[in-house]
C-alpha atoms as a PDB file:
ATOM      1  CA  MET A   1      48.837  69.216 -92.134  1.00  0.00           C
ATOM      2  CA  GLU A   2      49.828  66.827 -95.125  1.00  0.00           C
ATOM      3  CA  ARG A   3      49.089  68.156 -98.858  1.00  0.00           C
ATOM      4  CA  ILE A   4      48.326  65.418-101.345  1.00  0.00           C
ATOM      5  CA  ASP A   5      48.476  66.182-105.140  1.00  0.00           C
ATOM      6  CA  ILE A   6      45.736  63.844-106.591  1.00  0.00           C
ATOM      7  CA  SER A   7      47.453  63.842-109.842  1.00  0.00           C
ATOM      8  CA  ASP A   8      50.268  61.810-108.507  1.00  0.00           C
ATOM      9  CA  GLY A   9      48.121  58.720-108.220  1.00  0.00           C
ATOM     10  CA  ARG A  10      48.030  58.059-104.468  1.00  0.00           C
ATOM     11  CA  ARG A  11      45.588  55.695-103.426  1.00  0.00           C
ATOM     12  CA  VAL A  12      42.606  56.612-101.217  1.00  0.00           C
ATOM     13  CA  ALA A  13      43.552  54.305 -98.666  1.00  0.00           C
ATOM     14  CA  ASP A  14      46.904  56.281 -98.016  1.00  0.00           C
ATOM     15  CA  LEU A  15      44.552  59.340 -97.648  1.00  0.00           C
ATOM     16  CA  VAL A  16      42.229  57.096 -95.140  1.00  0.00           C
ATOM     17  CA  GLU A  17      45.574  55.871 -93.237  1.00  0.00           C
ATOM     18  CA  ALA A  18      46.699  59.623 -92.736  1.00  0.00           C
ATOM     19  CA  VAL A  19      43.263  61.002 -91.328  1.00  0.00           C
ATOM     20  CA  GLU A  20      43.053  57.781 -89.135  1.00  0.00           C
ATOM     21  CA  ARG A  21      46.399  58.831 -87.712  1.00  0.00           C
ATOM     22  CA  GLY A  22      45.101  61.992 -87.001  1.00  0.00           C
ATOM     23  CA  ASP A  23      46.558  64.179 -89.890  1.00  0.00           C
ATOM     24  CA  GLU A  24      44.728  66.602 -91.646  1.00  0.00           C
ATOM     25  CA  VAL A  25      45.202  66.120 -95.140  1.00  0.00           C
ATOM     26  CA  VAL A  26      44.391  68.782 -97.959  1.00  0.00           C
ATOM     27  CA  ILE A  27      44.003  67.642-101.462  1.00  0.00           C
ATOM     28  CA  VAL A  28      45.400  69.773-104.311  1.00  0.00           C
ATOM     29  CA  ARG A  29      44.778  69.762-108.093  1.00  0.00           C
ATOM     30  CA  ASP A  30      46.933  71.606-110.260  1.00  0.00           C
ATOM     31  CA  GLY A  31      48.328  73.634-107.222  1.00  0.00           C
ATOM     32  CA  ALA A  32      44.837  74.596-105.935  1.00  0.00           C
ATOM     33  CA  ILE A  33      43.377  73.124-103.001  1.00  0.00           C
ATOM     34  CA  VAL A  34      39.917  71.337-103.710  1.00  0.00           C
ATOM     35  CA  ALA A  35      39.386  69.617-100.364  1.00  0.00           C
ATOM     36  CA  GLU A  36      40.489  69.343 -96.647  1.00  0.00           C
ATOM     37  CA  VAL A  37      39.986  65.965 -94.983  1.00  0.00           C
ATOM     38  CA  ARG A  38      40.247  65.350 -90.932  1.00  0.00           C
ATOM     39  CA  SER A  39      39.204  62.917 -88.515  1.00  0.00           C
ATOM     40  CA  ARG A  40      35.550  63.236 -87.326  1.00  0.00           C
ATOM     41  CA  GLN A  41      35.211  64.300 -83.862  1.00  0.00           C
ATOM     42  CA  PRO A  42      33.425  61.800 -81.553  1.00  0.00           C
ATOM     43  CA  HIS A  43      29.852  63.705 -80.515  1.00  0.00           C
ATOM     44  CA  PRO A  44      29.811  64.408 -76.770  1.00  0.00           C
ATOM     45  CA  ALA A  45      26.920  62.754 -74.467  1.00  0.00           C
ATOM     46  CA  PRO A  46      23.979  64.931 -74.989  1.00  0.00           C
ATOM     47  CA  ALA A  47      23.451  67.349 -71.967  1.00  0.00           C
ATOM     48  CA  THR A  48      20.631  67.222 -69.472  1.00  0.00           C
ATOM     49  CA  PRO A  49      18.090  69.719 -70.019  1.00  0.00           C
ATOM     50  CA  LEU A  50      18.138  70.927 -66.272  1.00  0.00           C
ATOM     51  CA  THR A  51      22.149  70.966 -65.330  1.00  0.00           C
ATOM     52  CA  GLY A  52      23.648  70.895 -68.812  1.00  0.00           C
ATOM     53  CA  GLU A  53      25.821  68.090 -67.708  1.00  0.00           C
ATOM     54  CA  THR A  54      26.525  65.136 -69.517  1.00  0.00           C
ATOM     55  CA  GLU A  55      25.338  61.428 -68.188  1.00  0.00           C
ATOM     56  CA  THR A  56      26.702  58.283 -68.064  1.00  0.00           C
ATOM     57  CA  ILE A  57      24.371  55.192 -68.914  1.00  0.00           C
ATOM     58  CA  ASP A  58      24.585  52.700 -65.731  1.00  0.00           C
ATOM     59  CA  LEU A  59      23.828  49.541 -67.590  1.00  0.00           C
ATOM     60  CA  ALA A  60      23.907  47.619 -64.504  1.00  0.00           C
ATOM     61  CA  ALA A  61      20.950  49.722 -63.466  1.00  0.00           C
ATOM     62  CA  ILE A  62      19.172  48.934 -66.623  1.00  0.00           C
ATOM     63  CA  ARG A  63      19.710  45.374 -66.200  1.00  0.00           C
ATOM     64  CA  ASP A  64      18.431  45.056 -62.723  1.00  0.00           C
ATOM     65  CA  LEU A  65      15.576  47.161 -63.320  1.00  0.00           C
ATOM     66  CA  HIS A  66      14.549  44.840 -66.395  1.00  0.00           C
ATOM     67  CA  ALA A  67      15.128  41.823 -63.962  1.00  0.00           C
ATOM     68  CA  ARG A  68      12.281  43.036 -62.144  1.00  0.00           C
ATOM     69  CA  PHE A  69       9.588  42.703 -64.467  1.00  0.00           C
ATOM     70  CA  PRO A  70       8.245  39.810 -65.848  1.00  0.00           C
ATOM     71  CA  SER A  71       8.772  39.170 -69.198  1.00  0.00           C
ATOM     72  CA  LEU A  72       5.825  39.532 -71.581  1.00  0.00           C
ATOM     73  CA  ARG A  73       5.140  36.616 -73.600  1.00  0.00           C
ATOM     74  CA  ILE A  74       2.788  37.370 -76.807  1.00  0.00           C
ATOM     75  CA  ASP A  75       2.303  35.197 -79.685  1.00  0.00           C
ATOM     76  CA  SER A  76       1.595  37.914 -82.248  1.00  0.00           C
ATOM     77  CA  ALA A  77      -0.044  41.421 -82.074  1.00  0.00           C
ATOM     78  CA  ALA A  78      -3.155  40.406 -82.635  1.00  0.00           C
ATOM     79  CA  THR A  79      -3.150  38.474 -79.657  1.00  0.00           C
ATOM     80  CA  LEU A  80      -1.921  41.185 -77.464  1.00  0.00           C
ATOM     81  CA  ILE A  81      -4.501  43.566 -78.622  1.00  0.00           C
ATOM     82  CA  ARG A  82      -7.372  40.961 -78.063  1.00  0.00           C
ATOM     83  CA  GLU A  83      -6.070  40.346 -74.443  1.00  0.00           C
ATOM     84  CA  MET A  84      -5.909  44.326 -73.820  1.00  0.00           C
ATOM     85  CA  ARG A  85      -9.405  44.791 -75.403  1.00  0.00           C
ATOM     86  CA  ASP A  86     -10.738  42.119 -73.005  1.00  0.00           C
ATOM     87  CA  GLU A  87      -9.049  43.013 -69.786  1.00  0.00           C
ATOM     88  CA  ASP A  88     -10.923  46.690 -70.453  1.00  0.00           C
ATOM     89  CA  ASP A  89     -14.305  44.895 -70.524  1.00  0.00           C
ATOM     90  CA  HIS A  90     -14.115  43.670 -67.223  1.00  0.00           C
END
């Protein structure tokens, strides 16, 4: 863990570089610790409710599914609402 006294005039960029390297940085003022800085840990993928295991996203499967559906061509939201309303009348 690197200790940095902020009274020595180091730039913030030096602190960020140290954290990016994986160092934990302790910021000290007049000998007293005022902050501890460490890199942010990536969040794990959310667990599935039933199994508790993480899932990966299959982008190829999503693209295949998307390709099977006709594209929706709508001029405006008003046109979409009118078409949906008129379809219900029949």
